[in-house]
Amino acid sequence: MPDELVRQVRDRVGRNQFSHYVNDAVAERLRHDLLSELIAELETEHGQVPDEIRAETSRLWPGDADG
């Protein structure tokens, strides 16, 4: 890990919480990667979500990353 990144993490969480912070970040990235793989698999099997359904979910949940 680059020294500057290590310093920024330690400045944010303190020396004793560094491993916990990095562990949480890696776990979150892994969940994100697995979710992306699942989405790709579902889109291959069932096709993409139709635009009208995407529009409806954007209306129901404003602030979504895709909306």
N, C-alpha and C. Protein backbone atom coordinates (compact mmCIF):
# COMPACT_ATOMS: atom_id res chain seq x y z
N MET A 1 0.86 -1.17 0.00
CA MET A 1 0.00 0.00 0.00
C MET A 1 0.91 1.23 0.00
N PRO A 2 0.60 2.22 -0.81
CA PRO A 2 1.43 3.42 -0.86
C PRO A 2 1.49 4.12 0.52
N ASP A 3 2.67 4.65 0.83
CA ASP A 3 2.88 5.31 2.13
C ASP A 3 1.87 6.42 2.39
N GLU A 4 1.56 7.20 1.37
CA GLU A 4 0.62 8.32 1.56
C GLU A 4 -0.77 7.81 1.93
N LEU A 5 -1.19 6.71 1.32
CA LEU A 5 -2.48 6.14 1.65
C LEU A 5 -2.49 5.60 3.07
N VAL A 6 -1.42 4.94 3.48
CA VAL A 6 -1.29 4.46 4.86
C VAL A 6 -1.39 5.63 5.83
N ARG A 7 -0.69 6.71 5.53
CA ARG A 7 -0.72 7.89 6.40
C ARG A 7 -2.13 8.46 6.51
N GLN A 8 -2.83 8.54 5.39
CA GLN A 8 -4.18 9.10 5.41
C GLN A 8 -5.13 8.24 6.25
N VAL A 9 -5.01 6.92 6.12
CA VAL A 9 -5.86 6.03 6.92
C VAL A 9 -5.52 6.17 8.40
N ARG A 10 -4.24 6.15 8.73
CA ARG A 10 -3.84 6.28 10.13
C ARG A 10 -4.28 7.62 10.71
N ASP A 11 -4.17 8.69 9.93
CA ASP A 11 -4.63 10.00 10.40
C ASP A 11 -6.13 10.00 10.68
N ARG A 12 -6.87 9.24 9.91
CA ARG A 12 -8.32 9.20 10.05
C ARG A 12 -8.76 8.32 11.22
N VAL A 13 -8.14 7.15 11.38
CA VAL A 13 -8.66 6.17 12.35
C VAL A 13 -7.71 5.88 13.50
N GLY A 14 -6.49 6.35 13.42
CA GLY A 14 -5.52 6.04 14.46
C GLY A 14 -4.79 4.75 14.17
N ARG A 15 -3.65 4.61 14.76
CA ARG A 15 -2.78 3.47 14.47
C ARG A 15 -3.42 2.14 14.88
N ASN A 16 -4.13 2.11 15.99
CA ASN A 16 -4.68 0.85 16.50
C ASN A 16 -5.88 0.33 15.71
N GLN A 17 -6.50 1.17 14.91
CA GLN A 17 -7.67 0.75 14.14
C GLN A 17 -7.38 0.54 12.66
N PHE A 18 -6.11 0.66 12.27
CA PHE A 18 -5.74 0.56 10.87
C PHE A 18 -6.19 -0.76 10.24
N SER A 19 -5.85 -1.87 10.86
CA SER A 19 -6.20 -3.18 10.30
C SER A 19 -7.71 -3.35 10.19
N HIS A 20 -8.44 -2.90 11.19
CA HIS A 20 -9.90 -2.99 11.17
C HIS A 20 -10.47 -2.18 10.00
N TYR A 21 -9.95 -0.99 9.81
CA TYR A 21 -10.41 -0.12 8.73
C TYR A 21 -10.15 -0.76 7.37
N VAL A 22 -8.93 -1.29 7.18
CA VAL A 22 -8.58 -1.93 5.91
C VAL A 22 -9.41 -3.19 5.71
N ASN A 23 -9.60 -3.97 6.75
CA ASN A 23 -10.43 -5.18 6.67
C ASN A 23 -11.85 -4.83 6.22
N ASP A 24 -12.43 -3.80 6.82
CA ASP A 24 -13.78 -3.38 6.44
C ASP A 24 -13.84 -2.92 4.99
N ALA A 25 -12.81 -2.19 4.54
CA ALA A 25 -12.77 -1.71 3.16
C ALA A 25 -12.68 -2.88 2.18
N VAL A 26 -11.85 -3.86 2.49
CA VAL A 26 -11.71 -5.02 1.61
C VAL A 26 -13.01 -5.82 1.58
N ALA A 27 -13.63 -6.01 2.73
CA ALA A 27 -14.90 -6.74 2.78
C ALA A 27 -15.97 -6.02 1.97
N GLU A 28 -16.03 -4.69 2.07
CA GLU A 28 -17.01 -3.94 1.30
C GLU A 28 -16.74 -4.07 -0.20
N ARG A 29 -15.50 -3.99 -0.60
CA ARG A 29 -15.14 -4.12 -2.02
C ARG A 29 -15.51 -5.51 -2.53
N LEU A 30 -15.25 -6.54 -1.72
CA LEU A 30 -15.60 -7.90 -2.12
C LEU A 30 -17.11 -8.05 -2.31
N ARG A 31 -17.90 -7.50 -1.37
CA ARG A 31 -19.37 -7.55 -1.51
C ARG A 31 -19.79 -6.84 -2.80
N HIS A 32 -19.18 -5.71 -3.08
CA HIS A 32 -19.50 -4.95 -4.29
C HIS A 32 -19.16 -5.76 -5.53
N ASP A 33 -17.98 -6.37 -5.56
CA ASP A 33 -17.58 -7.19 -6.70
C ASP A 33 -18.53 -8.37 -6.91
N LEU A 34 -18.89 -9.05 -5.82
CA LEU A 34 -19.80 -10.19 -5.92
C LEU A 34 -21.18 -9.75 -6.41
N LEU A 35 -21.65 -8.61 -5.94
CA LEU A 35 -22.94 -8.09 -6.39
C LEU A 35 -22.88 -7.74 -7.87
N SER A 36 -21.79 -7.14 -8.31
CA SER A 36 -21.63 -6.82 -9.73
C SER A 36 -21.65 -8.08 -10.58
N GLU A 37 -20.99 -9.13 -10.10
CA GLU A 37 -21.00 -10.41 -10.82
C GLU A 37 -22.40 -10.99 -10.89
N LEU A 38 -23.15 -10.90 -9.79
CA LEU A 38 -24.52 -11.40 -9.78
C LEU A 38 -25.40 -10.62 -10.75
N ILE A 39 -25.26 -9.30 -10.76
CA ILE A 39 -26.03 -8.48 -11.69
C ILE A 39 -25.73 -8.87 -13.13
N ALA A 40 -24.46 -9.04 -13.45
CA ALA A 40 -24.08 -9.43 -14.81
C ALA A 40 -24.67 -10.79 -15.17
N GLU A 41 -24.63 -11.72 -14.23
CA GLU A 41 -25.20 -13.05 -14.47
C GLU A 41 -26.71 -12.97 -14.70
N LEU A 42 -27.40 -12.19 -13.88
CA LEU A 42 -28.85 -12.06 -14.04
C LEU A 42 -29.21 -11.35 -15.34
N GLU A 43 -28.42 -10.34 -15.73
CA GLU A 43 -28.68 -9.66 -16.99
C GLU A 43 -28.45 -10.59 -18.17
N THR A 44 -27.45 -11.46 -18.07
CA THR A 44 -27.21 -12.43 -19.13
C THR A 44 -28.38 -13.40 -19.24
N GLU A 45 -28.88 -13.83 -18.09
CA GLU A 45 -29.97 -14.81 -18.07
C GLU A 45 -31.32 -14.21 -18.43
N HIS A 46 -31.60 -12.98 -17.93
CA HIS A 46 -32.94 -12.41 -18.05
C HIS A 46 -33.00 -11.13 -18.87
N GLY A 47 -31.87 -10.60 -19.25
CA GLY A 47 -31.85 -9.31 -19.96
C GLY A 47 -31.79 -8.16 -18.97
N GLN A 48 -31.54 -6.98 -19.50
CA GLN A 48 -31.46 -5.80 -18.66
C GLN A 48 -32.84 -5.38 -18.17
N VAL A 49 -32.86 -4.67 -17.08
CA VAL A 49 -34.10 -4.15 -16.54
C VAL A 49 -34.64 -3.10 -17.53
N PRO A 50 -35.91 -3.22 -17.91
CA PRO A 50 -36.48 -2.27 -18.87
C PRO A 50 -36.43 -0.83 -18.34
N ASP A 51 -36.29 0.11 -19.28
CA ASP A 51 -36.19 1.53 -18.92
C ASP A 51 -37.36 2.02 -18.09
N GLU A 52 -38.57 1.53 -18.38
CA GLU A 52 -39.74 2.00 -17.62
C GLU A 52 -39.67 1.55 -16.15
N ILE A 53 -39.12 0.40 -15.91
CA ILE A 53 -38.96 -0.06 -14.51
C ILE A 53 -37.85 0.73 -13.83
N ARG A 54 -36.77 1.02 -14.56
CA ARG A 54 -35.71 1.86 -13.99
C ARG A 54 -36.25 3.25 -13.63
N ALA A 55 -37.09 3.80 -14.51
CA ALA A 55 -37.67 5.12 -14.25
C ALA A 55 -38.57 5.08 -13.01
N GLU A 56 -39.34 4.02 -12.88
CA GLU A 56 -40.23 3.88 -11.72
C GLU A 56 -39.43 3.76 -10.42
N THR A 57 -38.38 2.97 -10.42
CA THR A 57 -37.58 2.84 -9.19
C THR A 57 -36.87 4.15 -8.87
N SER A 58 -36.45 4.89 -9.89
CA SER A 58 -35.84 6.20 -9.64
C SER A 58 -36.85 7.16 -9.01
N ARG A 59 -38.09 7.05 -9.44
CA ARG A 59 -39.14 7.90 -8.87
C ARG A 59 -39.41 7.51 -7.42
N LEU A 60 -39.46 6.20 -7.16
CA LEU A 60 -39.76 5.71 -5.80
C LEU A 60 -38.60 5.90 -4.84
N TRP A 61 -37.35 5.80 -5.34
CA TRP A 61 -36.16 5.93 -4.50
C TRP A 61 -35.25 7.02 -5.06
N PRO A 62 -35.63 8.28 -4.93
CA PRO A 62 -34.78 9.36 -5.45
C PRO A 62 -33.43 9.34 -4.74
N GLY A 63 -32.42 9.75 -5.49
CA GLY A 63 -31.07 9.77 -4.92
C GLY A 63 -30.31 8.50 -5.19
N ASP A 64 -30.95 7.52 -5.83
CA ASP A 64 -30.27 6.28 -6.21
C ASP A 64 -29.12 6.63 -7.15
N ALA A 65 -28.06 5.83 -7.13
CA ALA A 65 -26.87 6.08 -7.95
C ALA A 65 -27.20 6.17 -9.43
N ASP A 66 -28.20 5.42 -9.88
CA ASP A 66 -28.56 5.45 -11.30
C ASP A 66 -29.60 6.51 -11.63
N GLY A 67 -30.19 7.11 -10.61
CA GLY A 67 -31.28 8.05 -10.88
C GLY A 67 -30.85 9.39 -10.80
